[in-house]
Amino acid sequence: MKKIYSLILLMLIISLSFTYGGKAQSDSAIAEARAAQVIDGLRIYPNPATGNILNISSDRALTKTVTIYNVLGAKVLFKVLIGRELDISSLNSGVYIIQIKEEKKTATRKLVIR
């Protein structure tokens, strides 16, 4: 079962690294596009999370839209975060993909909950 979850997670990460539309882009163009999308100073902690609170902060204290997906791609949590503390008590232990949007920038990370 763990191998299946690991394989699905690997496939999800690989698919997120490719662009849509089927057009090949040079490495430098991809790097420039990613640099423009980076949320400056993004911090997600603790990771792995062991409690009920996940802290999410960045250099700019703006409102963030947080979406958490399980390894099958199903949305399990959605929250508009005004502060920095996200209640994750409704999530079971496991591996998740967390997507954070701040203004027009988006970051996607792996989240482990123990």
PDB file of N, CA and C in Angstrom:
ATOM      1  N   MET A   1       0.821  -1.183   0.000  1.00  0.00           N
ATOM      2  CA  MET A   1       0.000   0.000   0.000  1.00  0.00           C
ATOM      3  C   MET A   1       0.872   1.258   0.000  1.00  0.00           C
ATOM      4  N   LYS A   2       1.971   1.226   0.788  1.00  0.00           N
ATOM      5  CA  LYS A   2       2.858   2.382   0.834  1.00  0.00           C
ATOM      6  C   LYS A   2       3.516   2.613  -0.521  1.00  0.00           C
ATOM      7  N   LYS A   3       3.797   1.515  -1.245  1.00  0.00           N
ATOM      8  CA  LYS A   3       4.411   1.654  -2.560  1.00  0.00           C
ATOM      9  C   LYS A   3       3.457   2.345  -3.526  1.00  0.00           C
ATOM     10  N   ILE A   4       2.176   2.030  -3.424  1.00  0.00           N
ATOM     11  CA  ILE A   4       1.183   2.651  -4.297  1.00  0.00           C
ATOM     12  C   ILE A   4       1.108   4.144  -4.015  1.00  0.00           C
ATOM     13  N   TYR A   5       1.041   4.510  -2.720  1.00  0.00           N
ATOM     14  CA  TYR A   5       0.992   5.924  -2.358  1.00  0.00           C
ATOM     15  C   TYR A   5       2.257   6.649  -2.808  1.00  0.00           C
ATOM     16  N   SER A   6       3.404   6.011  -2.657  1.00  0.00           N
ATOM     17  CA  SER A   6       4.662   6.622  -3.084  1.00  0.00           C
ATOM     18  C   SER A   6       4.677   6.825  -4.593  1.00  0.00           C
ATOM     19  N   LEU A   7       4.192   5.842  -5.332  1.00  0.00           N
ATOM     20  CA  LEU A   7       4.144   5.940  -6.780  1.00  0.00           C
ATOM     21  C   LEU A   7       3.193   7.048  -7.217  1.00  0.00           C
ATOM     22  N   ILE A   8       2.036   7.135  -6.590  1.00  0.00           N
ATOM     23  CA  ILE A   8       1.066   8.175  -6.933  1.00  0.00           C
ATOM     24  C   ILE A   8       1.637   9.553  -6.629  1.00  0.00           C
ATOM     25  N   LEU A   9       2.287   9.694  -5.483  1.00  0.00           N
ATOM     26  CA  LEU A   9       2.892  10.973  -5.118  1.00  0.00           C
ATOM     27  C   LEU A   9       3.978  11.360  -6.114  1.00  0.00           C
ATOM     28  N   LEU A  10       4.806  10.408  -6.505  1.00  0.00           N
ATOM     29  CA  LEU A  10       5.858  10.671  -7.480  1.00  0.00           C
ATOM     30  C   LEU A  10       5.256  11.119  -8.807  1.00  0.00           C
ATOM     31  N   MET A  11       4.198  10.454  -9.238  1.00  0.00           N
ATOM     32  CA  MET A  11       3.543  10.820 -10.488  1.00  0.00           C
ATOM     33  C   MET A  11       2.952  12.219 -10.400  1.00  0.00           C
ATOM     34  N   LEU A  12       2.372  12.566  -9.252  1.00  0.00           N
ATOM     35  CA  LEU A  12       1.794  13.893  -9.069  1.00  0.00           C
ATOM     36  C   LEU A  12       2.872  14.969  -9.128  1.00  0.00           C
ATOM     37  N   ILE A  13       3.985  14.730  -8.471  1.00  0.00           N
ATOM     38  CA  ILE A  13       5.080  15.705  -8.473  1.00  0.00           C
ATOM     39  C   ILE A  13       5.646  15.876  -9.877  1.00  0.00           C
ATOM     40  N   ILE A  14       5.807  14.775 -10.594  1.00  0.00           N
ATOM     41  CA  ILE A  14       6.323  14.853 -11.963  1.00  0.00           C
ATOM     42  C   ILE A  14       5.348  15.606 -12.854  1.00  0.00           C
ATOM     43  N   SER A  15       4.056  15.328 -12.710  1.00  0.00           N
ATOM     44  CA  SER A  15       3.077  16.005 -13.561  1.00  0.00           C
ATOM     45  C   SER A  15       3.005  17.492 -13.258  1.00  0.00           C
ATOM     46  N   LEU A  16       3.246  17.890 -12.003  1.00  0.00           N
ATOM     47  CA  LEU A  16       3.241  19.310 -11.663  1.00  0.00           C
ATOM     48  C   LEU A  16       4.450  20.038 -12.236  1.00  0.00           C
ATOM     49  N   SER A  17       5.507  19.305 -12.545  1.00  0.00           N
ATOM     50  CA  SER A  17       6.721  19.946 -13.048  1.00  0.00           C
ATOM     51  C   SER A  17       6.660  20.228 -14.548  1.00  0.00           C
ATOM     52  N   PHE A  18       5.695  19.666 -15.260  1.00  0.00           N
ATOM     53  CA  PHE A  18       5.550  19.916 -16.682  1.00  0.00           C
ATOM     54  C   PHE A  18       4.510  21.000 -16.916  1.00  0.00           C
ATOM     55  N   THR A  19       4.654  21.722 -18.006  1.00  0.00           N
ATOM     56  CA  THR A  19       3.681  22.750 -18.342  1.00  0.00           C
ATOM     57  C   THR A  19       2.568  22.137 -19.176  1.00  0.00           C
ATOM     58  N   TYR A  20       1.412  22.792 -19.171  1.00  0.00           N
ATOM     59  CA  TYR A  20       0.267  22.322 -19.935  1.00  0.00           C
ATOM     60  C   TYR A  20       0.321  22.901 -21.340  1.00  0.00           C
ATOM     61  N   GLY A  21      -0.364  22.282 -22.264  1.00  0.00           N
ATOM     62  CA  GLY A  21      -0.458  22.774 -23.618  1.00  0.00           C
ATOM     63  C   GLY A  21       0.402  22.025 -24.610  1.00  0.00           C
ATOM     64  N   GLY A  22       1.299  21.180 -24.137  1.00  0.00           N
ATOM     65  CA  GLY A  22       2.092  20.353 -25.016  1.00  0.00           C
ATOM     66  C   GLY A  22       3.247  21.065 -25.702  1.00  0.00           C
ATOM     67  N   LYS A  23       3.513  22.318 -25.395  1.00  0.00           N
ATOM     68  CA  LYS A  23       4.613  23.043 -26.014  1.00  0.00           C
ATOM     69  C   LYS A  23       5.854  22.925 -25.145  1.00  0.00           C
ATOM     70  N   ALA A  24       6.943  22.606 -25.774  1.00  0.00           N
ATOM     71  CA  ALA A  24       8.207  22.500 -25.043  1.00  0.00           C
ATOM     72  C   ALA A  24       8.759  23.899 -24.806  1.00  0.00           C
ATOM     73  N   GLN A  25       9.296  24.096 -23.627  1.00  0.00           N
ATOM     74  CA  GLN A  25       9.917  25.378 -23.301  1.00  0.00           C
ATOM     75  C   GLN A  25      11.353  25.119 -22.892  1.00  0.00           C
ATOM     76  N   SER A  26      12.179  26.128 -23.086  1.00  0.00           N
ATOM     77  CA  SER A  26      13.572  25.969 -22.691  1.00  0.00           C
ATOM     78  C   SER A  26      13.673  25.994 -21.173  1.00  0.00           C
ATOM     79  N   ASP A  27      14.768  25.437 -20.656  1.00  0.00           N
ATOM     80  CA  ASP A  27      14.979  25.403 -19.214  1.00  0.00           C
ATOM     81  C   ASP A  27      15.022  26.799 -18.619  1.00  0.00           C
ATOM     82  N   SER A  28      15.623  27.743 -19.327  1.00  0.00           N
ATOM     83  CA  SER A  28      15.717  29.101 -18.789  1.00  0.00           C
ATOM     84  C   SER A  28      14.351  29.766 -18.729  1.00  0.00           C
ATOM     85  N   ALA A  29      13.501  29.528 -19.700  1.00  0.00           N
ATOM     86  CA  ALA A  29      12.157  30.106 -19.683  1.00  0.00           C
ATOM     87  C   ALA A  29      11.340  29.531 -18.540  1.00  0.00           C
ATOM     88  N   ILE A  30      11.493  28.242 -18.289  1.00  0.00           N
ATOM     89  CA  ILE A  30      10.792  27.609 -17.171  1.00  0.00           C
ATOM     90  C   ILE A  30      11.305  28.166 -15.857  1.00  0.00           C
ATOM     91  N   ALA A  31      12.612  28.320 -15.742  1.00  0.00           N
ATOM     92  CA  ALA A  31      13.201  28.863 -14.512  1.00  0.00           C
ATOM     93  C   ALA A  31      12.729  30.290 -14.263  1.00  0.00           C
ATOM     94  N   GLU A  32      12.648  31.099 -15.322  1.00  0.00           N
ATOM     95  CA  GLU A  32      12.171  32.473 -15.176  1.00  0.00           C
ATOM     96  C   GLU A  32      10.711  32.500 -14.751  1.00  0.00           C
ATOM     97  N   ALA A  33       9.899  31.640 -15.332  1.00  0.00           N
ATOM     98  CA  ALA A  33       8.484  31.591 -14.975  1.00  0.00           C
ATOM     99  C   ALA A  33       8.305  31.163 -13.527  1.00  0.00           C
ATOM    100  N   ARG A  34       9.089  30.193 -13.090  1.00  0.00           N
ATOM    101  CA  ARG A  34       9.002  29.742 -11.700  1.00  0.00           C
ATOM    102  C   ARG A  34       9.468  30.824 -10.739  1.00  0.00           C
ATOM    103  N   ALA A  35      10.505  31.550 -11.104  1.00  0.00           N
ATOM    104  CA  ALA A  35      11.010  32.615 -10.234  1.00  0.00           C
ATOM    105  C   ALA A  35       9.964  33.706 -10.061  1.00  0.00           C
ATOM    106  N   ALA A  36       9.192  33.981 -11.099  1.00  0.00           N
ATOM    107  CA  ALA A  36       8.144  34.995 -11.007  1.00  0.00           C
ATOM    108  C   ALA A  36       6.988  34.524 -10.133  1.00  0.00           C
ATOM    109  N   GLN A  37       6.843  33.215  -9.967  1.00  0.00           N
ATOM    110  CA  GLN A  37       5.739  32.649  -9.202  1.00  0.00           C
ATOM    111  C   GLN A  37       6.097  32.342  -7.752  1.00  0.00           C
ATOM    112  N   VAL A  38       7.341  32.551  -7.361  1.00  0.00           N
ATOM    113  CA  VAL A  38       7.791  32.179  -6.025  1.00  0.00           C
ATOM    114  C   VAL A  38       7.201  33.125  -4.986  1.00  0.00           C
ATOM    115  N   ILE A  39       6.677  32.552  -3.911  1.00  0.00           N
ATOM    116  CA  ILE A  39       6.213  33.348  -2.779  1.00  0.00           C
ATOM    117  C   ILE A  39       7.436  33.609  -1.912  1.00  0.00           C
ATOM    118  N   ASP A  40       7.838  34.860  -1.841  1.00  0.00           N
ATOM    119  CA  ASP A  40       9.067  35.223  -1.131  1.00  0.00           C
ATOM    120  C   ASP A  40       8.998  34.859   0.343  1.00  0.00           C
ATOM    121  N   GLY A  41      10.019  34.129   0.800  1.00  0.00           N
ATOM    122  CA  GLY A  41      10.143  33.791   2.216  1.00  0.00           C
ATOM    123  C   GLY A  41       9.084  32.841   2.736  1.00  0.00           C
ATOM    124  N   LEU A  42       8.515  32.015   1.863  1.00  0.00           N
ATOM    125  CA  LEU A  42       7.467  31.090   2.304  1.00  0.00           C
ATOM    126  C   LEU A  42       8.031  30.074   3.289  1.00  0.00           C
ATOM    127  N   ARG A  43       7.360  29.955   4.418  1.00  0.00           N
ATOM    128  CA  ARG A  43       7.743  28.986   5.441  1.00  0.00           C
ATOM    129  C   ARG A  43       6.500  28.202   5.857  1.00  0.00           C
ATOM    130  N   ILE A  44       6.624  26.875   5.849  1.00  0.00           N
ATOM    131  CA  ILE A  44       5.560  25.974   6.286  1.00  0.00           C
ATOM    132  C   ILE A  44       6.173  25.093   7.360  1.00  0.00           C
ATOM    133  N   TYR A  45       5.691  25.221   8.587  1.00  0.00           N
ATOM    134  CA  TYR A  45       6.297  24.473   9.687  1.00  0.00           C
ATOM    135  C   TYR A  45       5.274  24.195  10.771  1.00  0.00           C
ATOM    136  N   PRO A  46       5.430  23.153  11.552  1.00  0.00           N
ATOM    137  CA  PRO A  46       6.430  22.099  11.408  1.00  0.00           C
ATOM    138  C   PRO A  46       6.045  21.151  10.272  1.00  0.00           C
ATOM    139  N   ASN A  47       7.023  20.618   9.621  1.00  0.00           N
ATOM    140  CA  ASN A  47       6.798  19.640   8.561  1.00  0.00           C
ATOM    141  C   ASN A  47       7.912  18.604   8.648  1.00  0.00           C
ATOM    142  N   PRO A  48       7.641  17.435   9.145  1.00  0.00           N
ATOM    143  CA  PRO A  48       6.339  16.819   9.374  1.00  0.00           C
ATOM    144  C   PRO A  48       5.609  17.436  10.572  1.00  0.00           C
ATOM    145  N   ALA A  49       4.302  17.556  10.397  1.00  0.00           N
ATOM    146  CA  ALA A  49       3.452  18.125  11.438  1.00  0.00           C
ATOM    147  C   ALA A  49       3.044  17.027  12.415  1.00  0.00           C
ATOM    148  N   THR A  50       3.088  17.354  13.687  1.00  0.00           N
ATOM    149  CA  THR A  50       2.710  16.370  14.706  1.00  0.00           C
ATOM    150  C   THR A  50       1.541  16.847  15.549  1.00  0.00           C
ATOM    151  N   GLY A  51       1.198  18.107  15.475  1.00  0.00           N
ATOM    152  CA  GLY A  51       0.094  18.649  16.268  1.00  0.00           C
ATOM    153  C   GLY A  51      -1.096  18.976  15.393  1.00  0.00           C
ATOM    154  N   ASN A  52      -1.942  19.867  15.894  1.00  0.00           N
ATOM    155  CA  ASN A  52      -3.151  20.257  15.178  1.00  0.00           C
ATOM    156  C   ASN A  52      -3.002  21.566  14.414  1.00  0.00           C
ATOM    157  N   ILE A  53      -1.852  22.233  14.562  1.00  0.00           N
ATOM    158  CA  ILE A  53      -1.646  23.538  13.938  1.00  0.00           C
ATOM    159  C   ILE A  53      -0.446  23.483  13.000  1.00  0.00           C
ATOM    160  N   LEU A  54      -0.637  24.027  11.801  1.00  0.00           N
ATOM    161  CA  LEU A  54       0.435  24.181  10.831  1.00  0.00           C
ATOM    162  C   LEU A  54       0.634  25.678  10.627  1.00  0.00           C
ATOM    163  N   ASN A  55       1.852  26.149  10.744  1.00  0.00           N
ATOM    164  CA  ASN A  55       2.162  27.568  10.561  1.00  0.00           C
ATOM    165  C   ASN A  55       2.609  27.817   9.131  1.00  0.00           C
ATOM    166  N   ILE A  56       2.001  28.830   8.510  1.00  0.00           N
ATOM    167  CA  ILE A  56       2.335  29.205   7.140  1.00  0.00           C
ATOM    168  C   ILE A  56       2.585  30.704   7.140  1.00  0.00           C
ATOM    169  N   SER A  57       3.791  31.094   6.751  1.00  0.00           N
ATOM    170  CA  SER A  57       4.112  32.522   6.731  1.00  0.00           C
ATOM    171  C   SER A  57       4.978  32.835   5.520  1.00  0.00           C
ATOM    172  N   SER A  58       5.048  34.121   5.196  1.00  0.00           N
ATOM    173  CA  SER A  58       5.892  34.594   4.105  1.00  0.00           C
ATOM    174  C   SER A  58       6.389  35.986   4.463  1.00  0.00           C
ATOM    175  N   ASP A  59       7.267  36.513   3.619  1.00  0.00           N
ATOM    176  CA  ASP A  59       7.808  37.845   3.876  1.00  0.00           C
ATOM    177  C   ASP A  59       6.721  38.913   3.876  1.00  0.00           C
ATOM    178  N   ARG A  60       5.719  38.724   3.052  1.00  0.00           N
ATOM    179  CA  ARG A  60       4.597  39.664   3.004  1.00  0.00           C
ATOM    180  C   ARG A  60       3.423  39.018   3.726  1.00  0.00           C
ATOM    181  N   ALA A  61       2.914  39.681   4.717  1.00  0.00           N
ATOM    182  CA  ALA A  61       1.820  39.131   5.528  1.00  0.00           C
ATOM    183  C   ALA A  61       0.481  39.373   4.834  1.00  0.00           C
ATOM    184  N   LEU A  62       0.288  38.716   3.700  1.00  0.00           N
ATOM    185  CA  LEU A  62      -0.942  38.863   2.933  1.00  0.00           C
ATOM    186  C   LEU A  62      -1.851  37.662   3.161  1.00  0.00           C
ATOM    187  N   THR A  63      -3.106  37.815   2.789  1.00  0.00           N
ATOM    188  CA  THR A  63      -4.058  36.715   2.866  1.00  0.00           C
ATOM    189  C   THR A  63      -3.617  35.613   1.911  1.00  0.00           C
ATOM    190  N   LYS A  64      -3.690  34.372   2.396  1.00  0.00           N
ATOM    191  CA  LYS A  64      -3.284  33.223   1.597  1.00  0.00           C
ATOM    192  C   LYS A  64      -4.472  32.283   1.422  1.00  0.00           C
ATOM    193  N   THR A  65      -4.571  31.692   0.259  1.00  0.00           N
ATOM    194  CA  THR A  65      -5.552  30.648   0.011  1.00  0.00           C
ATOM    195  C   THR A  65      -4.806  29.326   0.070  1.00  0.00           C
ATOM    196  N   VAL A  66      -5.227  28.461   0.993  1.00  0.00           N
ATOM    197  CA  VAL A  66      -4.531  27.193   1.220  1.00  0.00           C
ATOM    198  C   VAL A  66      -5.455  26.045   0.825  1.00  0.00           C
ATOM    199  N   THR A  67      -4.957  25.164  -0.030  1.00  0.00           N
ATOM    200  CA  THR A  67      -5.690  23.969  -0.422  1.00  0.00           C
ATOM    201  C   THR A  67      -4.779  22.775  -0.169  1.00  0.00           C
ATOM    202  N   ILE A  68      -5.328  21.758   0.485  1.00  0.00           N
ATOM    203  CA  ILE A  68      -4.558  20.545   0.762  1.00  0.00           C
ATOM    204  C   ILE A  68      -5.234  19.380   0.044  1.00  0.00           C
ATOM    205  N   TYR A  69      -4.416  18.599  -0.677  1.00  0.00           N
ATOM    206  CA  TYR A  69      -4.890  17.439  -1.427  1.00  0.00           C
ATOM    207  C   TYR A  69      -4.259  16.179  -0.853  1.00  0.00           C
ATOM    208  N   ASN A  70      -5.015  15.068  -0.901  1.00  0.00           N
ATOM    209  CA  ASN A  70      -4.404  13.791  -0.530  1.00  0.00           C
ATOM    210  C   ASN A  70      -3.616  13.275  -1.732  1.00  0.00           C
ATOM    211  N   VAL A  71      -2.953  12.135  -1.578  1.00  0.00           N
ATOM    212  CA  VAL A  71      -2.098  11.629  -2.659  1.00  0.00           C
ATOM    213  C   VAL A  71      -2.886  11.159  -3.877  1.00  0.00           C
ATOM    214  N   LEU A  72      -4.184  11.008  -3.732  1.00  0.00           N
ATOM    215  CA  LEU A  72      -5.020  10.639  -4.869  1.00  0.00           C
ATOM    216  C   LEU A  72      -5.514  11.865  -5.627  1.00  0.00           C
ATOM    217  N   GLY A  73      -5.182  13.058  -5.113  1.00  0.00           N
ATOM    218  CA  GLY A  73      -5.573  14.295  -5.777  1.00  0.00           C
ATOM    219  C   GLY A  73      -6.892  14.865  -5.312  1.00  0.00           C
ATOM    220  N   ALA A  74      -7.521  14.248  -4.315  1.00  0.00           N
ATOM    221  CA  ALA A  74      -8.795  14.754  -3.802  1.00  0.00           C
ATOM    222  C   ALA A  74      -8.544  15.901  -2.825  1.00  0.00           C
ATOM    223  N   LYS A  75      -9.332  16.973  -2.961  1.00  0.00           N
ATOM    224  CA  LYS A  75      -9.206  18.106  -2.061  1.00  0.00           C
ATOM    225  C   LYS A  75      -9.747  17.711  -0.692  1.00  0.00           C
ATOM    226  N   VAL A  76      -8.911  17.844   0.347  1.00  0.00           N
ATOM    227  CA  VAL A  76      -9.327  17.453   1.694  1.00  0.00           C
ATOM    228  C   VAL A  76      -9.459  18.646   2.632  1.00  0.00           C
ATOM    229  N   LEU A  77      -8.904  19.798   2.248  1.00  0.00           N
ATOM    230  CA  LEU A  77      -9.007  20.989   3.091  1.00  0.00           C
ATOM    231  C   LEU A  77      -8.827  22.229   2.229  1.00  0.00           C
ATOM    232  N   PHE A  78      -9.682  23.225   2.458  1.00  0.00           N
ATOM    233  CA  PHE A  78      -9.577  24.513   1.775  1.00  0.00           C
ATOM    234  C   PHE A  78      -9.813  25.596   2.805  1.00  0.00           C
ATOM    235  N   LYS A  79      -8.938  26.586   2.835  1.00  0.00           N
ATOM    236  CA  LYS A  79      -9.065  27.640   3.837  1.00  0.00           C
ATOM    237  C   LYS A  79      -8.447  28.924   3.302  1.00  0.00           C
ATOM    238  N   VAL A  80      -9.133  30.037   3.528  1.00  0.00           N
ATOM    239  CA  VAL A  80      -8.550  31.347   3.284  1.00  0.00           C
ATOM    240  C   VAL A  80      -7.921  31.759   4.602  1.00  0.00           C
ATOM    241  N   LEU A  81      -6.614  31.886   4.596  1.00  0.00           N
ATOM    242  CA  LEU A  81      -5.845  32.102   5.815  1.00  0.00           C
ATOM    243  C   LEU A  81      -5.475  33.574   5.941  1.00  0.00           C
ATOM    244  N   ILE A  82      -5.952  34.199   7.022  1.00  0.00           N
ATOM    245  CA  ILE A  82      -5.639  35.602   7.269  1.00  0.00           C
ATOM    246  C   ILE A  82      -4.405  35.715   8.157  1.00  0.00           C
ATOM    247  N   GLY A  83      -4.312  34.863   9.163  1.00  0.00           N
ATOM    248  CA  GLY A  83      -3.143  34.846  10.039  1.00  0.00           C
ATOM    249  C   GLY A  83      -2.101  33.889   9.509  1.00  0.00           C
ATOM    250  N   ARG A  84      -1.453  33.185  10.421  1.00  0.00           N
ATOM    251  CA  ARG A  84      -0.444  32.218   9.980  1.00  0.00           C
ATOM    252  C   ARG A  84      -0.741  30.806  10.450  1.00  0.00           C
ATOM    253  N   GLU A  85      -1.736  30.610  11.312  1.00  0.00           N
ATOM    254  CA  GLU A  85      -2.016  29.281  11.856  1.00  0.00           C
ATOM    255  C   GLU A  85      -3.168  28.609  11.116  1.00  0.00           C
ATOM    256  N   LEU A  86      -2.910  27.391  10.647  1.00  0.00           N
ATOM    257  CA  LEU A  86      -3.910  26.595   9.945  1.00  0.00           C
ATOM    258  C   LEU A  86      -4.248  25.384  10.794  1.00  0.00           C
ATOM    259  N   ASP A  87      -5.534  25.187  11.077  1.00  0.00           N
ATOM    260  CA  ASP A  87      -5.990  24.038  11.861  1.00  0.00           C
ATOM    261  C   ASP A  87      -6.040  22.814  10.946  1.00  0.00           C
ATOM    262  N   ILE A  88      -5.220  21.822  11.263  1.00  0.00           N
ATOM    263  CA  ILE A  88      -5.171  20.595  10.459  1.00  0.00           C
ATOM    264  C   ILE A  88      -5.666  19.395  11.261  1.00  0.00           C
ATOM    265  N   SER A  89      -6.414  19.651  12.323  1.00  0.00           N
ATOM    266  CA  SER A  89      -6.874  18.566  13.193  1.00  0.00           C
ATOM    267  C   SER A  89      -7.814  17.596  12.474  1.00  0.00           C
ATOM    268  N   SER A  90      -8.436  18.028  11.387  1.00  0.00           N
ATOM    269  CA  SER A  90      -9.355  17.151  10.654  1.00  0.00           C
ATOM    270  C   SER A  90      -8.630  16.177   9.727  1.00  0.00           C
ATOM    271  N   LEU A  91      -7.320  16.336   9.572  1.00  0.00           N
ATOM    272  CA  LEU A  91      -6.557  15.480   8.659  1.00  0.00           C
ATOM    273  C   LEU A  91      -5.938  14.295   9.384  1.00  0.00           C
ATOM    274  N   ASN A  92      -5.984  13.142   8.746  1.00  0.00           N
ATOM    275  CA  ASN A  92      -5.353  11.938   9.284  1.00  0.00           C
ATOM    276  C   ASN A  92      -3.857  11.959   8.985  1.00  0.00           C
ATOM    277  N   SER A  93      -3.120  11.103   9.662  1.00  0.00           N
ATOM    278  CA  SER A  93      -1.692  10.966   9.381  1.00  0.00           C
ATOM    279  C   SER A  93      -1.505  10.525   7.936  1.00  0.00           C
ATOM    280  N   GLY A  94      -0.486  11.074   7.295  1.00  0.00           N
ATOM    281  CA  GLY A  94      -0.219  10.697   5.916  1.00  0.00           C
ATOM    282  C   GLY A  94       0.549  11.763   5.172  1.00  0.00           C
ATOM    283  N   VAL A  95       0.651  11.568   3.861  1.00  0.00           N
ATOM    284  CA  VAL A  95       1.359  12.497   2.984  1.00  0.00           C
ATOM    285  C   VAL A  95       0.322  13.265   2.176  1.00  0.00           C
ATOM    286  N   TYR A  96       0.510  14.567   2.086  1.00  0.00           N
ATOM    287  CA  TYR A  96      -0.415  15.449   1.387  1.00  0.00           C
ATOM    288  C   TYR A  96       0.366  16.406   0.496  1.00  0.00           C
ATOM    289  N   ILE A  97      -0.337  17.020  -0.429  1.00  0.00           N
ATOM    290  CA  ILE A  97       0.208  18.096  -1.245  1.00  0.00           C
ATOM    291  C   ILE A  97      -0.511  19.366  -0.798  1.00  0.00           C
ATOM    292  N   ILE A  98       0.272  20.389  -0.420  1.00  0.00           N
ATOM    293  CA  ILE A  98      -0.311  21.651   0.022  1.00  0.00           C
ATOM    294  C   ILE A  98      -0.021  22.715  -1.032  1.00  0.00           C
ATOM    295  N   GLN A  99      -1.072  23.427  -1.431  1.00  0.00           N
ATOM    296  CA  GLN A  99      -0.943  24.490  -2.421  1.00  0.00           C
ATOM    297  C   GLN A  99      -1.310  25.803  -1.738  1.00  0.00           C
ATOM    298  N   ILE A 100      -0.425  26.778  -1.842  1.00  0.00           N
ATOM    299  CA  ILE A 100      -0.629  28.072  -1.207  1.00  0.00           C
ATOM    300  C   ILE A 100      -0.617  29.138  -2.292  1.00  0.00           C
ATOM    301  N   LYS A 101      -1.640  29.986  -2.281  1.00  0.00           N
ATOM    302  CA  LYS A 101      -1.708  31.095  -3.232  1.00  0.00           C
ATOM    303  C   LYS A 101      -1.691  32.396  -2.445  1.00  0.00           C
ATOM    304  N   GLU A 102      -0.817  33.308  -2.888  1.00  0.00           N
ATOM    305  CA  GLU A 102      -0.710  34.631  -2.282  1.00  0.00           C
ATOM    306  C   GLU A 102      -0.648  35.621  -3.435  1.00  0.00           C
ATOM    307  N   GLU A 103      -1.653  36.465  -3.546  1.00  0.00           N
ATOM    308  CA  GLU A 103      -1.826  37.339  -4.702  1.00  0.00           C
ATOM    309  C   GLU A 103      -1.835  36.484  -5.962  1.00  0.00           C
ATOM    310  N   LYS A 104      -0.937  36.727  -6.897  1.00  0.00           N
ATOM    311  CA  LYS A 104      -0.914  35.957  -8.146  1.00  0.00           C
ATOM    312  C   LYS A 104       0.151  34.874  -8.135  1.00  0.00           C
ATOM    313  N   LYS A 105       0.736  34.628  -6.974  1.00  0.00           N
ATOM    314  CA  LYS A 105       1.806  33.638  -6.864  1.00  0.00           C
ATOM    315  C   LYS A 105       1.283  32.369  -6.210  1.00  0.00           C
ATOM    316  N   THR A 106       1.816  31.237  -6.652  1.00  0.00           N
ATOM    317  CA  THR A 106       1.389  29.941  -6.136  1.00  0.00           C
ATOM    318  C   THR A 106       2.609  29.102  -5.784  1.00  0.00           C
ATOM    319  N   ALA A 107       2.509  28.396  -4.661  1.00  0.00           N
ATOM    320  CA  ALA A 107       3.563  27.463  -4.259  1.00  0.00           C
ATOM    321  C   ALA A 107       2.915  26.128  -3.931  1.00  0.00           C
ATOM    322  N   THR A 108       3.576  25.049  -4.294  1.00  0.00           N
ATOM    323  CA  THR A 108       3.101  23.701  -4.010  1.00  0.00           C
ATOM    324  C   THR A 108       4.210  22.945  -3.299  1.00  0.00           C
ATOM    325  N   ARG A 109       3.864  22.335  -2.178  1.00  0.00           N
ATOM    326  CA  ARG A 109       4.844  21.612  -1.369  1.00  0.00           C
ATOM    327  C   ARG A 109       4.252  20.288  -0.898  1.00  0.00           C
ATOM    328  N   LYS A 110       5.136  19.415  -0.445  1.00  0.00           N
ATOM    329  CA  LYS A 110       4.721  18.160   0.186  1.00  0.00           C
ATOM    330  C   LYS A 110       4.539  18.431   1.673  1.00  0.00           C
ATOM    331  N   LEU A 111       3.482  17.861   2.248  1.00  0.00           N
ATOM    332  CA  LEU A 111       3.211  18.000   3.676  1.00  0.00           C
ATOM    333  C   LEU A 111       3.050  16.610   4.265  1.00  0.00           C
ATOM    334  N   VAL A 112       3.753  16.349   5.348  1.00  0.00           N
ATOM    335  CA  VAL A 112       3.646  15.069   6.047  1.00  0.00           C
ATOM    336  C   VAL A 112       3.013  15.333   7.403  1.00  0.00           C
ATOM    337  N   ILE A 113       1.982  14.556   7.722  1.00  0.00           N
ATOM    338  CA  ILE A 113       1.329  14.654   9.027  1.00  0.00           C
ATOM    339  C   ILE A 113       1.519  13.327   9.729  1.00  0.00           C
ATOM    340  N   ARG A 114       2.061  13.390  10.940  1.00  0.00           N
ATOM    341  CA  ARG A 114       2.303  12.170  11.724  1.00  0.00           C
ATOM    342  C   ARG A 114       1.263  12.017  12.787  1.00  0.00           C
TER     343      ARG A 114
END
